Each structure stands twice: as C-alpha cells, then as structure tokens.
Amino acid sequence: MSPGERFTLGLAAVATAAGLTAWLVARARARRGKSAEEIERRRRLDVHQHGRIAQGHIVDFLDAGDCDHGGRLLLYKYEVGGVTYEAAQDISALANLLALAHGLAGQIASVKYDPKRPTNSIIACEDWCGIKEIARLRD
C-alpha cells in the first residue's frame, strides 16, 4: 500500500469516526431534552402507527394517582402467536379514557402491539382507542 493510499484510508477512518461521534452526541442531546411523559407519548403513537391489532381483555383498573409516583393503570391481557401477555398502561394522560376507566374491568378490547416486540402494546393513545364504547364516543 502506497503512502498516499494509507493517508486516504486514515483520513476516511477519521472522518467516519467523527461522523459517528457527532451522530451519537446529537441523539444523546435529543433524548435528554424529553420528559418521561413525552417519551411515553411518542411510544404510544409509534405503536399506534406501526402496530398490529389483537383481541384483548381488560382485567382491572388501579388508581394510584394519589401517591407521589403512582399512575392510573389499566391492566389487560392479550394473545399473540399462542403466547398470552399481561400488560398495564398508564392512562393518566388520556382524559377521555380516564373518565370511564373504573367501569371497564371485564370488557373485551382491541390491543395494538409492536409485531417486532409483542410486549410493547397499548390499549389507547391520543389518536386511537381499542375500547368500543369509548371509540364510539369519539366518532
């Protein structure tokens, strides 16, 4: 390998490393500026946009909103590929769902899940609701 080729190869390696470092720094800054609520909102919308629908069953509603770190959790089950998943979604930010949550236990609902990670699921988000009664109220 000639000295010119080595120089070009070294320069390309340095440029690649600098570009990768700049990209990593930009991603770290972008994530640092988001609140936990914003990260959760984006997760819900991403599952809504890319998710698949399965039939689910609402198990219970836990209202821990009076505690310092508590939320309002809707517990539900659903099955994907023969595997049953149990999940909970904090619905504190979803006022339309929160108002009716106490009476939802035992109801059938649609659940959206990430086909790549079926454990990542939602029962509702800002743009969609898998609970028929609430979905009808929105239309």
C-alpha atoms as a PDB file:
ATOM      1  CA  MET A   1       0.000   0.000   0.000  1.00  0.00           C
ATOM      2  CA  SER A   2       1.434   3.340  -1.015  1.00  0.00           C
ATOM      3  CA  PRO A   3       1.750   6.243   1.439  1.00  0.00           C
ATOM      4  CA  GLY A   4      -0.991   8.121  -0.452  1.00  0.00           C
ATOM      5  CA  GLU A   5      -3.379   5.186  -0.103  1.00  0.00           C
ATOM      6  CA  ARG A   6      -2.604   4.871   3.615  1.00  0.00           C
ATOM      7  CA  PHE A   7      -3.217   8.595   4.076  1.00  0.00           C
ATOM      8  CA  THR A   8      -6.566   8.375   2.235  1.00  0.00           C
ATOM      9  CA  LEU A   9      -7.591   5.315   4.262  1.00  0.00           C
ATOM     10  CA  GLY A  10      -6.612   7.014   7.535  1.00  0.00           C
ATOM     11  CA  LEU A  11      -8.468  10.171   6.555  1.00  0.00           C
ATOM     12  CA  ALA A  12     -11.598   8.130   5.730  1.00  0.00           C
ATOM     13  CA  ALA A  13     -11.383   6.358   9.115  1.00  0.00           C
ATOM     14  CA  VAL A  14     -11.063   9.677  10.970  1.00  0.00           C
ATOM     15  CA  ALA A  15     -13.987  11.182   9.036  1.00  0.00           C
ATOM     16  CA  THR A  16     -16.147   8.128   9.764  1.00  0.00           C
ATOM     17  CA  ALA A  17     -15.302   8.236  13.470  1.00  0.00           C
ATOM     18  CA  ALA A  18     -16.044  11.968  13.617  1.00  0.00           C
ATOM     19  CA  GLY A  19     -19.381  11.498  11.848  1.00  0.00           C
ATOM     20  CA  LEU A  20     -20.362   8.644  14.166  1.00  0.00           C
ATOM     21  CA  THR A  21     -19.417  10.683  17.229  1.00  0.00           C
ATOM     22  CA  ALA A  22     -21.434  13.677  16.027  1.00  0.00           C
ATOM     23  CA  TRP A  23     -24.449  11.430  15.398  1.00  0.00           C
ATOM     24  CA  LEU A  24     -24.198   9.847  18.868  1.00  0.00           C
ATOM     25  CA  VAL A  25     -23.912  13.250  20.548  1.00  0.00           C
ATOM     26  CA  ALA A  26     -26.936  14.563  18.633  1.00  0.00           C
ATOM     27  CA  ARG A  27     -29.039  11.540  19.647  1.00  0.00           C
ATOM     28  CA  ALA A  28     -27.999  11.876  23.289  1.00  0.00           C
ATOM     29  CA  ARG A  29     -28.945  15.561  23.319  1.00  0.00           C
ATOM     30  CA  ALA A  30     -32.287  14.863  21.662  1.00  0.00           C
ATOM     31  CA  ARG A  31     -33.219  12.185  24.230  1.00  0.00           C
ATOM     32  CA  ARG A  32     -32.022  14.199  27.210  1.00  0.00           C
ATOM     33  CA  GLY A  33     -34.396  17.072  26.457  1.00  0.00           C
ATOM     34  CA  LYS A  34     -37.566  14.931  26.534  1.00  0.00           C
ATOM     35  CA  SER A  35     -39.603  14.353  29.647  1.00  0.00           C
ATOM     36  CA  ALA A  36     -40.772  10.884  30.648  1.00  0.00           C
ATOM     37  CA  GLU A  37     -44.290  11.887  29.613  1.00  0.00           C
ATOM     38  CA  GLU A  38     -43.103  12.905  26.142  1.00  0.00           C
ATOM     39  CA  ILE A  39     -41.153   9.667  25.697  1.00  0.00           C
ATOM     40  CA  GLU A  40     -44.256   7.665  26.695  1.00  0.00           C
ATOM     41  CA  ARG A  41     -46.484   9.721  24.366  1.00  0.00           C
ATOM     42  CA  ARG A  42     -44.140   9.030  21.444  1.00  0.00           C
ATOM     43  CA  ARG A  43     -44.063   5.313  22.318  1.00  0.00           C
ATOM     44  CA  ARG A  44     -47.862   5.155  22.273  1.00  0.00           C
ATOM     45  CA  LEU A  45     -48.067   6.935  18.922  1.00  0.00           C
ATOM     46  CA  ASP A  46     -45.351   4.715  17.427  1.00  0.00           C
ATOM     47  CA  VAL A  47     -47.181   1.534  18.485  1.00  0.00           C
ATOM     48  CA  HIS A  48     -50.390   3.019  17.069  1.00  0.00           C
ATOM     49  CA  GLN A  49     -48.733   3.824  13.747  1.00  0.00           C
ATOM     50  CA  HIS A  50     -46.803   0.564  13.256  1.00  0.00           C
ATOM     51  CA  GLY A  51     -48.733  -1.880  15.436  1.00  0.00           C
ATOM     52  CA  ARG A  52     -50.996  -4.783  14.728  1.00  0.00           C
ATOM     53  CA  ILE A  53     -54.304  -5.403  16.463  1.00  0.00           C
ATOM     54  CA  ALA A  54     -55.150  -8.350  18.710  1.00  0.00           C
ATOM     55  CA  GLN A  55     -58.211  -9.026  20.809  1.00  0.00           C
ATOM     56  CA  GLY A  56     -57.659  -8.296  24.472  1.00  0.00           C
ATOM     57  CA  HIS A  57     -59.450  -8.426  27.772  1.00  0.00           C
ATOM     58  CA  ILE A  58     -59.409  -5.631  30.358  1.00  0.00           C
ATOM     59  CA  VAL A  59     -58.552  -7.160  33.719  1.00  0.00           C
ATOM     60  CA  ASP A  60     -58.645  -4.239  36.154  1.00  0.00           C
ATOM     61  CA  PHE A  61     -58.094  -0.550  36.788  1.00  0.00           C
ATOM     62  CA  LEU A  62     -55.688   0.578  39.510  1.00  0.00           C
ATOM     63  CA  ASP A  63     -55.905   4.186  40.620  1.00  0.00           C
ATOM     64  CA  ALA A  64     -52.662   5.050  42.373  1.00  0.00           C
ATOM     65  CA  GLY A  65     -52.859   8.685  41.272  1.00  0.00           C
ATOM     66  CA  ASP A  66     -52.977   9.931  44.847  1.00  0.00           C
ATOM     67  CA  CYS A  67     -49.498   8.522  45.555  1.00  0.00           C
ATOM     68  CA  ASP A  68     -46.401  10.531  44.687  1.00  0.00           C
ATOM     69  CA  HIS A  69     -45.237   8.182  41.945  1.00  0.00           C
ATOM     70  CA  GLY A  70     -48.473   6.388  41.190  1.00  0.00           C
ATOM     71  CA  GLY A  71     -50.373   6.444  37.991  1.00  0.00           C
ATOM     72  CA  ARG A  72     -53.712   5.289  36.780  1.00  0.00           C
ATOM     73  CA  LEU A  73     -53.118   1.864  35.316  1.00  0.00           C
ATOM     74  CA  LEU A  74     -55.391  -0.105  33.039  1.00  0.00           C
ATOM     75  CA  LEU A  75     -54.402  -3.784  33.262  1.00  0.00           C
ATOM     76  CA  TYR A  76     -55.141  -6.003  30.266  1.00  0.00           C
ATOM     77  CA  LYS A  77     -54.318  -9.355  28.645  1.00  0.00           C
ATOM     78  CA  TYR A  78     -53.920 -10.302  25.006  1.00  0.00           C
ATOM     79  CA  GLU A  79     -52.579 -13.196  22.967  1.00  0.00           C
ATOM     80  CA  VAL A  80     -50.109 -13.111  20.081  1.00  0.00           C
ATOM     81  CA  GLY A  81     -48.842 -16.265  18.395  1.00  0.00           C
ATOM     82  CA  GLY A  82     -50.133 -18.528  21.155  1.00  0.00           C
ATOM     83  CA  VAL A  83     -48.420 -16.510  23.906  1.00  0.00           C
ATOM     84  CA  THR A  84     -50.556 -14.666  26.453  1.00  0.00           C
ATOM     85  CA  TYR A  85     -49.245 -11.281  27.547  1.00  0.00           C
ATOM     86  CA  GLU A  86     -50.346  -9.289  30.564  1.00  0.00           C
ATOM     87  CA  ALA A  87     -49.689  -5.568  30.445  1.00  0.00           C
ATOM     88  CA  ALA A  88     -50.553  -2.315  32.155  1.00  0.00           C
ATOM     89  CA  GLN A  89     -50.817   1.097  30.559  1.00  0.00           C
ATOM     90  CA  ASP A  90     -50.729   4.347  32.486  1.00  0.00           C
ATOM     91  CA  ILE A  91     -53.745   6.226  31.143  1.00  0.00           C
ATOM     92  CA  SER A  92     -53.258   9.383  33.216  1.00  0.00           C
ATOM     93  CA  ALA A  93     -52.628  11.448  30.067  1.00  0.00           C
ATOM     94  CA  LEU A  94     -55.711  10.107  28.259  1.00  0.00           C
ATOM     95  CA  ALA A  95     -58.581  12.056  29.812  1.00  0.00           C
ATOM     96  CA  ASN A  96     -61.333  10.519  27.660  1.00  0.00           C
ATOM     97  CA  LEU A  97     -60.332   7.029  28.797  1.00  0.00           C
ATOM     98  CA  LEU A  98     -59.610   8.017  32.369  1.00  0.00           C
ATOM     99  CA  ALA A  99     -63.143   9.298  32.934  1.00  0.00           C
ATOM    100  CA  LEU A 100     -64.645   5.850  32.208  1.00  0.00           C
ATOM    101  CA  ALA A 101     -61.838   3.584  33.420  1.00  0.00           C
ATOM    102  CA  HIS A 102     -63.491   2.452  36.663  1.00  0.00           C
ATOM    103  CA  GLY A 103     -66.199   0.562  34.782  1.00  0.00           C
ATOM    104  CA  LEU A 104     -64.035  -1.162  32.173  1.00  0.00           C
ATOM    105  CA  ALA A 105     -62.916  -4.309  34.025  1.00  0.00           C
ATOM    106  CA  GLY A 106     -64.106  -7.446  32.279  1.00  0.00           C
ATOM    107  CA  GLN A 107     -64.642  -5.838  28.883  1.00  0.00           C
ATOM    108  CA  ILE A 108     -63.229  -7.055  25.587  1.00  0.00           C
ATOM    109  CA  ALA A 109     -61.000  -4.546  23.801  1.00  0.00           C
ATOM    110  CA  SER A 110     -58.615  -4.280  20.880  1.00  0.00           C
ATOM    111  CA  VAL A 111     -54.930  -4.052  21.753  1.00  0.00           C
ATOM    112  CA  LYS A 112     -52.256  -2.706  19.428  1.00  0.00           C
ATOM    113  CA  TYR A 113     -48.840  -4.295  19.766  1.00  0.00           C
ATOM    114  CA  ASP A 114     -45.459  -3.947  18.107  1.00  0.00           C
ATOM    115  CA  PRO A 115     -45.027  -7.010  15.842  1.00  0.00           C
ATOM    116  CA  LYS A 116     -41.270  -6.972  16.498  1.00  0.00           C
ATOM    117  CA  ARG A 117     -41.775  -6.816  20.303  1.00  0.00           C
ATOM    118  CA  PRO A 118     -45.265  -8.047  21.223  1.00  0.00           C
ATOM    119  CA  THR A 119     -44.690  -6.980  24.845  1.00  0.00           C
ATOM    120  CA  ASN A 120     -44.796  -3.359  23.652  1.00  0.00           C
ATOM    121  CA  SER A 121     -48.522  -2.665  23.457  1.00  0.00           C
ATOM    122  CA  ILE A 122     -51.242  -0.082  24.029  1.00  0.00           C
ATOM    123  CA  ILE A 123     -54.958  -0.183  24.606  1.00  0.00           C
ATOM    124  CA  ALA A 124     -55.361   3.504  23.702  1.00  0.00           C
ATOM    125  CA  CYS A 125     -53.435   6.581  22.620  1.00  0.00           C
ATOM    126  CA  GLU A 126     -54.187  10.138  21.590  1.00  0.00           C
ATOM    127  CA  ASP A 127     -55.383   9.062  18.116  1.00  0.00           C
ATOM    128  CA  TRP A 128     -56.889   5.612  18.734  1.00  0.00           C
ATOM    129  CA  CYS A 129     -58.839   3.677  21.335  1.00  0.00           C
ATOM    130  CA  GLY A 130     -59.362  -0.082  21.413  1.00  0.00           C
ATOM    131  CA  ILE A 131     -62.353   0.101  23.755  1.00  0.00           C
ATOM    132  CA  LYS A 132     -65.514   0.073  21.678  1.00  0.00           C
ATOM    133  CA  GLU A 133     -67.650   2.235  23.975  1.00  0.00           C
ATOM    134  CA  ILE A 134     -65.042   4.969  24.119  1.00  0.00           C
ATOM    135  CA  ALA A 135     -64.222   4.698  20.410  1.00  0.00           C
ATOM    136  CA  ARG A 136     -67.931   5.266  19.631  1.00  0.00           C
ATOM    137  CA  LEU A 137     -67.962   8.399  21.796  1.00  0.00           C
ATOM    138  CA  ARG A 138     -65.015   9.812  19.822  1.00  0.00           C
ATOM    139  CA  ASP A 139     -66.691   9.305  16.408  1.00  0.00           C
END
